[in-house]
Every structure is written in C-alpha cells, then in structure tokens.
C-alpha cells in the first residue's frame, strides 16, 4: 500500500485508540505522520516508533486540543518538520456525560472547547499549509444523529456541530481542491469505551452487527478518504457504525 507516498499528515489525539490506529495506517500507506497528545509521553512515543518502523518520519507533539493556540502551533510545527502538510485528521475529543440535574453547562464548555473549537482551530491552521489534494478528516460520532441514552445531549450537540463545520468548510475549501469529511464511528472498542464496559449491552442491542468496531476498521475508512481515490468525496458525514443508525 503506497496510496499516500510522499504525503505528510497530522493526527490529533494520536497516542491511543482510534487516533493511534489512524496514525499507523497512514504511515503504512506511505505518509510521514505527526501526532498530538495531552499526557502520556510513553504511549505517544510508542506510536511514533511504529510509524518509523514503516520507514516513515514520525513526530509526537504535546498539545491540548482545548487550547486553540497550542493546536495551531502543533499544526505549524508538523508542517515545518515535514516541509508540507497534506492530511489533517481531527481525532482529539472528549466524552463527558452531562445529566441535566448535574452541571451540564460546565460539561458543555469543556466538551465544545475540544470537540468543536479545537477541531476548528486545527482545520483553519492546516488549510493554510494545504494545496490541491489536501485532506481534512474529522472524527465525529453517530451520536450527532442519535442519542441512545440520557446525559448525552452535550456530546451529541458537539458532534452535530462537527457535521455542520464539515459541510461549511467543504464549501470554503473546495475551490482550492481541499476536501473535508466527517467520519462518524459508532461504538468502537477502545480504552475510553471498551466492549466490556457498562454501556456495551445497551449499545450492541441497538446495532445490526452486534459488536463493537475495531479501531483499525475506522482507520481504513480514514485512509480511503485521505487518498487520491476520494477526490470527489467532500462535505460528507460517513457513518461506520454496524447499523447503529439503520
């Protein structure tokens, strides 16, 4: 696989879970890959080691997605290190349950700072470095379209905002040959939401394929959208959810 030979990518929140799987897949397809992380330097460096094992350049940058300036600086650093930036995968995100009888406004501020403002800041910064063939890929959620349990309103609203930003940015950047798409996973087996977790039985009962996805399955879709083959796909919200929305 060399669909991304000569390309340079940045994956936010790339030290674990979906982000780590995406970073490794992009490297396997030929891209140099930088990742950001908030804490846990060791897992981030382990991902970089896997990237370099593919014969590609790898870089880990500590940056909190809630800090717009830090996110923009990470984008600029990745572009400077690699001499270009072709692909941005906005994977960094938080999931905070926010029941209405708790403190939902605090949860709202914390959630939107990362899931929406941080994503938007990274997208704007990356677009400055991209030309024809640039790819911006957001990792959203099927919860933008369906909220299966109480307490998920704030998270769902943030992912619905990602949908809208994706469509708007696709219009803004399309004339420059840059595509912008939203990958919407359903339940994925990660340390944040393990298949053995407390919500697993409920979530699987809503799905046509009653298992959690593997992070590598999400990464495969991201790799396609990052490739030249997806040049006519933009402004799309593509669910990969085992029939959660069916």
C-alpha atoms as a PDB file:
ATOM      1  CA  UNK A   1       0.000   0.000   0.000  1.00  0.00           C
ATOM      2  CA  UNK A   2       1.502   3.301  -1.095  1.00  0.00           C
ATOM      3  CA  UNK A   3      -1.511   5.492  -1.840  1.00  0.00           C
ATOM      4  CA  UNK A   4      -0.079   8.202   0.409  1.00  0.00           C
ATOM      5  CA  UNK A   5       3.552   8.045  -0.648  1.00  0.00           C
ATOM      6  CA  UNK A   6       5.159  11.473  -0.279  1.00  0.00           C
ATOM      7  CA  UNK A   7       2.318  12.858   1.834  1.00  0.00           C
ATOM      8  CA  UNK A   8       2.568  14.360   5.315  1.00  0.00           C
ATOM      9  CA  UNK A   9      -0.158  14.003   7.936  1.00  0.00           C
ATOM     10  CA  UNK A  10      -1.065  15.203  11.412  1.00  0.00           C
ATOM     11  CA  UNK A  11      -3.394  13.184  13.640  1.00  0.00           C
ATOM     12  CA  UNK A  12      -4.608  14.966  16.757  1.00  0.00           C
ATOM     13  CA  UNK A  13      -5.064  12.784  19.814  1.00  0.00           C
ATOM     14  CA  UNK A  14      -2.950  10.131  18.149  1.00  0.00           C
ATOM     15  CA  UNK A  15      -1.386   8.357  21.119  1.00  0.00           C
ATOM     16  CA  UNK A  16      -4.137   5.782  21.668  1.00  0.00           C
ATOM     17  CA  UNK A  17      -7.384   4.311  20.392  1.00  0.00           C
ATOM     18  CA  UNK A  18      -8.693   5.424  17.027  1.00  0.00           C
ATOM     19  CA  UNK A  19      -6.027   8.113  16.673  1.00  0.00           C
ATOM     20  CA  UNK A  20      -3.165   5.655  17.121  1.00  0.00           C
ATOM     21  CA  UNK A  21      -4.732   3.232  14.641  1.00  0.00           C
ATOM     22  CA  UNK A  22      -5.172   6.023  12.103  1.00  0.00           C
ATOM     23  CA  UNK A  23      -1.582   7.248  12.504  1.00  0.00           C
ATOM     24  CA  UNK A  24      -0.204   3.741  11.969  1.00  0.00           C
ATOM     25  CA  UNK A  25      -2.430   3.120   8.949  1.00  0.00           C
ATOM     26  CA  UNK A  26      -1.435   6.382   7.262  1.00  0.00           C
ATOM     27  CA  UNK A  27       2.229   5.510   7.794  1.00  0.00           C
ATOM     28  CA  UNK A  28       1.663   2.028   6.370  1.00  0.00           C
ATOM     29  CA  UNK A  29       0.240   3.706   3.275  1.00  0.00           C
ATOM     30  CA  UNK A  30       3.353   5.846   2.828  1.00  0.00           C
ATOM     31  CA  UNK A  31       2.751   9.072   4.754  1.00  0.00           C
ATOM     32  CA  UNK A  32       5.011  10.799   7.253  1.00  0.00           C
ATOM     33  CA  UNK A  33       2.875  11.250  10.359  1.00  0.00           C
ATOM     34  CA  UNK A  34       2.882  13.594  13.340  1.00  0.00           C
ATOM     35  CA  UNK A  35       0.575  13.068  16.304  1.00  0.00           C
ATOM     36  CA  UNK A  36      -0.503  15.232  19.194  1.00  0.00           C
ATOM     37  CA  UNK A  37      -1.102  14.099  22.746  1.00  0.00           C
ATOM     38  CA  UNK A  38      -2.037  15.774  26.026  1.00  0.00           C
ATOM     39  CA  UNK A  39      -0.381  13.480  28.573  1.00  0.00           C
ATOM     40  CA  UNK A  40       1.314  10.117  28.434  1.00  0.00           C
ATOM     41  CA  UNK A  41       4.509  10.679  26.500  1.00  0.00           C
ATOM     42  CA  UNK A  42       5.384   6.974  26.513  1.00  0.00           C
ATOM     43  CA  UNK A  43       2.312   5.827  24.530  1.00  0.00           C
ATOM     44  CA  UNK A  44       2.851   8.684  22.085  1.00  0.00           C
ATOM     45  CA  UNK A  45       6.483   7.707  21.534  1.00  0.00           C
ATOM     46  CA  UNK A  46       5.416   4.077  21.054  1.00  0.00           C
ATOM     47  CA  UNK A  47       3.139   5.184  18.199  1.00  0.00           C
ATOM     48  CA  UNK A  48       5.991   7.214  16.703  1.00  0.00           C
ATOM     49  CA  UNK A  49       8.207   4.126  16.888  1.00  0.00           C
ATOM     50  CA  UNK A  50       5.587   2.178  14.923  1.00  0.00           C
ATOM     51  CA  UNK A  51       5.440   4.953  12.331  1.00  0.00           C
ATOM     52  CA  UNK A  52       9.201   4.909  11.935  1.00  0.00           C
ATOM     53  CA  UNK A  53       9.159   1.110  11.664  1.00  0.00           C
ATOM     54  CA  UNK A  54       7.232   1.643   8.413  1.00  0.00           C
ATOM     55  CA  UNK A  55      10.178   3.657   7.105  1.00  0.00           C
ATOM     56  CA  UNK A  56       8.366   6.947   7.556  1.00  0.00           C
ATOM     57  CA  UNK A  57       9.103  10.086   9.572  1.00  0.00           C
ATOM     58  CA  UNK A  58       7.219  10.337  12.867  1.00  0.00           C
ATOM     59  CA  UNK A  59       6.775  13.095  15.418  1.00  0.00           C
ATOM     60  CA  UNK A  60       4.900  13.447  18.729  1.00  0.00           C
ATOM     61  CA  UNK A  61       3.826  16.945  19.812  1.00  0.00           C
ATOM     62  CA  UNK A  62       2.321  17.709  23.186  1.00  0.00           C
ATOM     63  CA  UNK A  63      -0.706  19.946  22.659  1.00  0.00           C
ATOM     64  CA  UNK A  64      -4.014  20.244  24.474  1.00  0.00           C
ATOM     65  CA  UNK A  65      -6.867  20.336  21.947  1.00  0.00           C
ATOM     66  CA  UNK A  66      -8.747  22.690  24.281  1.00  0.00           C
ATOM     67  CA  UNK A  67      -6.036  25.306  23.690  1.00  0.00           C
ATOM     68  CA  UNK A  68      -6.554  26.795  20.239  1.00  0.00           C
ATOM     69  CA  UNK A  69      -3.127  28.416  20.132  1.00  0.00           C
ATOM     70  CA  UNK A  70      -1.403  25.155  21.094  1.00  0.00           C
ATOM     71  CA  UNK A  71      -3.312  23.310  18.383  1.00  0.00           C
ATOM     72  CA  UNK A  72      -2.356  25.856  15.744  1.00  0.00           C
ATOM     73  CA  UNK A  73       1.277  25.727  16.863  1.00  0.00           C
ATOM     74  CA  UNK A  74       1.240  21.925  16.566  1.00  0.00           C
ATOM     75  CA  UNK A  75      -0.080  22.158  13.009  1.00  0.00           C
ATOM     76  CA  UNK A  76       2.612  24.681  12.077  1.00  0.00           C
ATOM     77  CA  UNK A  77       5.330  22.557  13.674  1.00  0.00           C
ATOM     78  CA  UNK A  78       4.264  19.420  11.814  1.00  0.00           C
ATOM     79  CA  UNK A  79       4.273  21.327   8.514  1.00  0.00           C
ATOM     80  CA  UNK A  80       7.722  22.759   9.280  1.00  0.00           C
ATOM     81  CA  UNK A  81       9.192  19.375  10.284  1.00  0.00           C
ATOM     82  CA  UNK A  82       7.904  17.601   7.176  1.00  0.00           C
ATOM     83  CA  UNK A  83       8.171  20.528   4.766  1.00  0.00           C
ATOM     84  CA  UNK A  84       4.491  20.208   3.907  1.00  0.00           C
ATOM     85  CA  UNK A  85       1.112  19.163   5.272  1.00  0.00           C
ATOM     86  CA  UNK A  86      -1.357  17.252   3.144  1.00  0.00           C
ATOM     87  CA  UNK A  87      -3.628  15.491   5.627  1.00  0.00           C
ATOM     88  CA  UNK A  88      -5.182  16.544   8.933  1.00  0.00           C
ATOM     89  CA  UNK A  89      -7.171  14.058  10.977  1.00  0.00           C
ATOM     90  CA  UNK A  90      -9.003  15.779  13.818  1.00  0.00           C
ATOM     91  CA  UNK A  91      -9.353  12.851  16.185  1.00  0.00           C
ATOM     92  CA  UNK A  92      -8.835  14.521  19.581  1.00  0.00           C
ATOM     93  CA  UNK A  93     -12.078  14.576  21.516  1.00  0.00           C
ATOM     94  CA  UNK A  94     -13.690  14.211  24.913  1.00  0.00           C
ATOM     95  CA  UNK A  95     -16.821  12.406  26.061  1.00  0.00           C
ATOM     96  CA  UNK A  96     -18.423  13.831  29.176  1.00  0.00           C
ATOM     97  CA  UNK A  97     -21.794  12.613  30.387  1.00  0.00           C
ATOM     98  CA  UNK A  98     -23.875  15.663  31.264  1.00  0.00           C
ATOM     99  CA  UNK A  99     -27.168  14.865  33.007  1.00  0.00           C
ATOM    100  CA  UNK A 100     -29.431  17.884  33.260  1.00  0.00           C
ATOM    101  CA  UNK A 101     -29.553  17.606  37.049  1.00  0.00           C
ATOM    102  CA  UNK A 102     -25.748  17.796  37.310  1.00  0.00           C
ATOM    103  CA  UNK A 103     -23.537  20.598  35.958  1.00  0.00           C
ATOM    104  CA  UNK A 104     -24.277  20.487  32.219  1.00  0.00           C
ATOM    105  CA  UNK A 105     -23.007  23.983  31.455  1.00  0.00           C
ATOM    106  CA  UNK A 106     -19.519  23.120  32.727  1.00  0.00           C
ATOM    107  CA  UNK A 107     -19.639  19.931  30.677  1.00  0.00           C
ATOM    108  CA  UNK A 108     -20.764  21.970  27.676  1.00  0.00           C
ATOM    109  CA  UNK A 109     -17.823  24.366  27.937  1.00  0.00           C
ATOM    110  CA  UNK A 110     -15.259  21.570  28.364  1.00  0.00           C
ATOM    111  CA  UNK A 111     -16.742  19.486  25.561  1.00  0.00           C
ATOM    112  CA  UNK A 112     -17.082  22.250  22.988  1.00  0.00           C
ATOM    113  CA  UNK A 113     -13.583  23.578  23.752  1.00  0.00           C
ATOM    114  CA  UNK A 114     -12.078  20.333  22.468  1.00  0.00           C
ATOM    115  CA  UNK A 115     -14.641  18.764  20.146  1.00  0.00           C
ATOM    116  CA  UNK A 116     -15.561  21.914  18.244  1.00  0.00           C
ATOM    117  CA  UNK A 117     -13.262  24.886  18.899  1.00  0.00           C
ATOM    118  CA  UNK A 118     -10.068  22.831  18.926  1.00  0.00           C
ATOM    119  CA  UNK A 119     -11.112  20.984  15.786  1.00  0.00           C
ATOM    120  CA  UNK A 120     -11.961  24.237  14.015  1.00  0.00           C
ATOM    121  CA  UNK A 121      -8.669  25.845  15.043  1.00  0.00           C
ATOM    122  CA  UNK A 122      -6.702  22.884  13.703  1.00  0.00           C
ATOM    123  CA  UNK A 123      -8.662  22.869  10.444  1.00  0.00           C
ATOM    124  CA  UNK A 124      -8.057  26.566   9.811  1.00  0.00           C
ATOM    125  CA  UNK A 125      -4.362  26.258  10.610  1.00  0.00           C
ATOM    126  CA  UNK A 126      -3.929  23.189   8.402  1.00  0.00           C
ATOM    127  CA  UNK A 127      -5.732  24.757   5.463  1.00  0.00           C
ATOM    128  CA  UNK A 128      -3.081  27.471   5.325  1.00  0.00           C
ATOM    129  CA  UNK A 129      -0.459  24.819   4.530  1.00  0.00           C
ATOM    130  CA  UNK A 130      -2.525  22.773   2.075  1.00  0.00           C
ATOM    131  CA  UNK A 131      -2.942  23.000  -1.656  1.00  0.00           C
ATOM    132  CA  UNK A 132      -4.663  20.894  -4.273  1.00  0.00           C
ATOM    133  CA  UNK A 133      -5.291  17.415  -2.904  1.00  0.00           C
ATOM    134  CA  UNK A 134      -5.362  18.477   0.742  1.00  0.00           C
ATOM    135  CA  UNK A 135      -7.493  16.379   3.062  1.00  0.00           C
ATOM    136  CA  UNK A 136      -9.169  17.342   6.340  1.00  0.00           C
ATOM    137  CA  UNK A 137     -10.926  14.466   8.073  1.00  0.00           C
ATOM    138  CA  UNK A 138     -12.907  14.910  11.257  1.00  0.00           C
ATOM    139  CA  UNK A 139     -13.646  12.035  13.630  1.00  0.00           C
ATOM    140  CA  UNK A 140     -17.221  12.753  14.623  1.00  0.00           C
ATOM    141  CA  UNK A 141     -19.800  10.368  16.034  1.00  0.00           C
ATOM    142  CA  UNK A 142     -23.106   8.733  15.148  1.00  0.00           C
ATOM    143  CA  UNK A 143     -24.393  10.460  18.270  1.00  0.00           C
ATOM    144  CA  UNK A 144     -24.733  13.526  16.056  1.00  0.00           C
ATOM    145  CA  UNK A 145     -27.793  11.746  14.653  1.00  0.00           C
ATOM    146  CA  UNK A 146     -28.949   9.556  17.518  1.00  0.00           C
ATOM    147  CA  UNK A 147     -28.681   9.870  21.310  1.00  0.00           C
ATOM    148  CA  UNK A 148     -29.383   6.427  22.801  1.00  0.00           C
ATOM    149  CA  UNK A 149     -29.227   7.315  26.496  1.00  0.00           C
ATOM    150  CA  UNK A 150     -29.832  10.188  28.930  1.00  0.00           C
ATOM    151  CA  UNK A 151     -26.922  12.518  29.636  1.00  0.00           C
ATOM    152  CA  UNK A 152     -25.589  12.538  26.077  1.00  0.00           C
ATOM    153  CA  UNK A 153     -27.092  15.799  24.847  1.00  0.00           C
ATOM    154  CA  UNK A 154     -23.960  17.915  25.161  1.00  0.00           C
ATOM    155  CA  UNK A 155     -21.697  15.358  23.482  1.00  0.00           C
ATOM    156  CA  UNK A 156     -24.234  14.830  20.705  1.00  0.00           C
ATOM    157  CA  UNK A 157     -24.548  18.566  20.154  1.00  0.00           C
ATOM    158  CA  UNK A 158     -20.778  18.885  19.792  1.00  0.00           C
ATOM    159  CA  UNK A 159     -20.714  16.154  17.152  1.00  0.00           C
ATOM    160  CA  UNK A 160     -23.646  17.718  15.313  1.00  0.00           C
ATOM    161  CA  UNK A 161     -21.581  20.900  15.225  1.00  0.00           C
ATOM    162  CA  UNK A 162     -18.737  18.899  13.678  1.00  0.00           C
ATOM    163  CA  UNK A 163     -21.129  17.803  10.927  1.00  0.00           C
ATOM    164  CA  UNK A 164     -22.078  21.405  10.192  1.00  0.00           C
ATOM    165  CA  UNK A 165     -18.471  22.640  10.264  1.00  0.00           C
ATOM    166  CA  UNK A 166     -17.517  19.862   7.875  1.00  0.00           C
ATOM    167  CA  UNK A 167     -20.135  20.900   5.343  1.00  0.00           C
ATOM    168  CA  UNK A 168     -19.245  24.568   5.635  1.00  0.00           C
ATOM    169  CA  UNK A 169     -15.505  24.009   5.379  1.00  0.00           C
ATOM    170  CA  UNK A 170     -16.036  21.751   2.379  1.00  0.00           C
ATOM    171  CA  UNK A 171     -17.701  24.693   0.619  1.00  0.00           C
ATOM    172  CA  UNK A 172     -14.994  27.122   1.735  1.00  0.00           C
ATOM    173  CA  UNK A 173     -12.047  24.948   0.723  1.00  0.00           C
ATOM    174  CA  UNK A 174     -13.433  23.079  -2.268  1.00  0.00           C
ATOM    175  CA  UNK A 175     -12.294  25.722  -4.781  1.00  0.00           C
ATOM    176  CA  UNK A 176      -8.730  25.076  -3.581  1.00  0.00           C
ATOM    177  CA  UNK A 177      -9.027  21.335  -4.159  1.00  0.00           C
ATOM    178  CA  UNK A 178      -9.130  20.517  -0.425  1.00  0.00           C
ATOM    179  CA  UNK A 179     -11.723  18.002   0.735  1.00  0.00           C
ATOM    180  CA  UNK A 180     -13.303  17.976   4.196  1.00  0.00           C
ATOM    181  CA  UNK A 181     -15.186  14.960   5.512  1.00  0.00           C
ATOM    182  CA  UNK A 182     -16.644  13.675   8.771  1.00  0.00           C
ATOM    183  CA  UNK A 183     -16.151  10.029   9.780  1.00  0.00           C
ATOM    184  CA  UNK A 184     -18.836   9.047  12.284  1.00  0.00           C
ATOM    185  CA  UNK A 185     -17.959   5.905  14.250  1.00  0.00           C
ATOM    186  CA  UNK A 186     -20.462   4.009  16.299  1.00  0.00           C
ATOM    187  CA  UNK A 187     -19.240   2.028  19.312  1.00  0.00           C
ATOM    188  CA  UNK A 188     -15.522   1.270  18.980  1.00  0.00           C
ATOM    189  CA  UNK A 189     -13.548  -0.982  21.313  1.00  0.00           C
ATOM    190  CA  UNK A 190     -11.044   1.423  22.895  1.00  0.00           C
ATOM    191  CA  UNK A 191      -9.882   2.095  26.436  1.00  0.00           C
ATOM    192  CA  UNK A 192     -12.327   5.017  26.586  1.00  0.00           C
ATOM    193  CA  UNK A 193     -15.312   2.823  25.625  1.00  0.00           C
ATOM    194  CA  UNK A 194     -14.343  -0.852  25.925  1.00  0.00           C
ATOM    195  CA  UNK A 195     -16.612  -3.586  24.614  1.00  0.00           C
ATOM    196  CA  UNK A 196     -16.677  -4.903  28.171  1.00  0.00           C
ATOM    197  CA  UNK A 197     -17.802  -1.530  29.549  1.00  0.00           C
ATOM    198  CA  UNK A 198     -21.037  -0.592  31.325  1.00  0.00           C
ATOM    199  CA  UNK A 199     -22.781   0.676  28.178  1.00  0.00           C
ATOM    200  CA  UNK A 200     -21.829  -2.259  25.949  1.00  0.00           C
ATOM    201  CA  UNK A 201     -25.003  -4.347  26.207  1.00  0.00           C
ATOM    202  CA  UNK A 202     -27.233  -1.332  25.609  1.00  0.00           C
ATOM    203  CA  UNK A 203     -25.225  -0.125  22.617  1.00  0.00           C
ATOM    204  CA  UNK A 204     -24.895  -3.529  20.977  1.00  0.00           C
ATOM    205  CA  UNK A 205     -28.634  -4.080  21.304  1.00  0.00           C
ATOM    206  CA  UNK A 206     -29.195  -1.054  19.022  1.00  0.00           C
ATOM    207  CA  UNK A 207     -26.879  -2.335  16.263  1.00  0.00           C
ATOM    208  CA  UNK A 208     -27.493  -4.567  13.250  1.00  0.00           C
ATOM    209  CA  UNK A 209     -23.980  -6.024  13.641  1.00  0.00           C
ATOM    210  CA  UNK A 210     -23.899  -6.574  17.369  1.00  0.00           C
ATOM    211  CA  UNK A 211     -20.251  -5.999  18.169  1.00  0.00           C
ATOM    212  CA  UNK A 212     -18.009  -3.030  18.679  1.00  0.00           C
ATOM    213  CA  UNK A 213     -15.842  -1.904  15.768  1.00  0.00           C
ATOM    214  CA  UNK A 214     -12.085  -2.255  15.900  1.00  0.00           C
ATOM    215  CA  UNK A 215     -10.082   0.976  15.719  1.00  0.00           C
ATOM    216  CA  UNK A 216      -8.333  -0.416  12.644  1.00  0.00           C
ATOM    217  CA  UNK A 217     -11.672  -0.538  10.820  1.00  0.00           C
ATOM    218  CA  UNK A 218     -12.167   3.176  11.404  1.00  0.00           C
ATOM    219  CA  UNK A 219      -8.589   3.807  10.264  1.00  0.00           C
ATOM    220  CA  UNK A 220      -9.259   2.005   6.980  1.00  0.00           C
ATOM    221  CA  UNK A 221     -12.066   4.434   6.141  1.00  0.00           C
ATOM    222  CA  UNK A 222      -9.905   7.401   7.097  1.00  0.00           C
ATOM    223  CA  UNK A 223      -7.098   6.130   4.855  1.00  0.00           C
ATOM    224  CA  UNK A 224      -9.502   5.933   1.915  1.00  0.00           C
ATOM    225  CA  UNK A 225     -10.725   9.498   2.464  1.00  0.00           C
ATOM    226  CA  UNK A 226      -7.098  10.658   2.697  1.00  0.00           C
ATOM    227  CA  UNK A 227      -6.221   9.016  -0.612  1.00  0.00           C
ATOM    228  CA  UNK A 228      -6.424  10.369  -4.182  1.00  0.00           C
ATOM    229  CA  UNK A 229      -9.272   7.906  -4.808  1.00  0.00           C
ATOM    230  CA  UNK A 230     -11.569  10.029  -2.633  1.00  0.00           C
ATOM    231  CA  UNK A 231     -11.048  13.270  -4.565  1.00  0.00           C
ATOM    232  CA  UNK A 232     -14.784  13.691  -5.212  1.00  0.00           C
ATOM    233  CA  UNK A 233     -15.894  12.956  -1.646  1.00  0.00           C
ATOM    234  CA  UNK A 234     -16.327  16.145   0.340  1.00  0.00           C
ATOM    235  CA  UNK A 235     -18.790  17.593   2.816  1.00  0.00           C
ATOM    236  CA  UNK A 236     -19.851  14.069   3.711  1.00  0.00           C
ATOM    237  CA  UNK A 237     -20.730  12.576   7.080  1.00  0.00           C
ATOM    238  CA  UNK A 238     -19.969   8.879   6.692  1.00  0.00           C
ATOM    239  CA  UNK A 239     -21.150   6.574   9.454  1.00  0.00           C
ATOM    240  CA  UNK A 240     -19.244   3.384  10.267  1.00  0.00           C
ATOM    241  CA  UNK A 241     -21.469   2.027  12.981  1.00  0.00           C
ATOM    242  CA  UNK A 242     -22.544  -1.577  12.458  1.00  0.00           C
ATOM    243  CA  UNK A 243     -26.062  -0.421  11.693  1.00  0.00           C
ATOM    244  CA  UNK A 244     -26.487   1.761  14.778  1.00  0.00           C
ATOM    245  CA  UNK A 245     -28.390   4.262  12.619  1.00  0.00           C
ATOM    246  CA  UNK A 246     -30.188   1.696  10.457  1.00  0.00           C
END
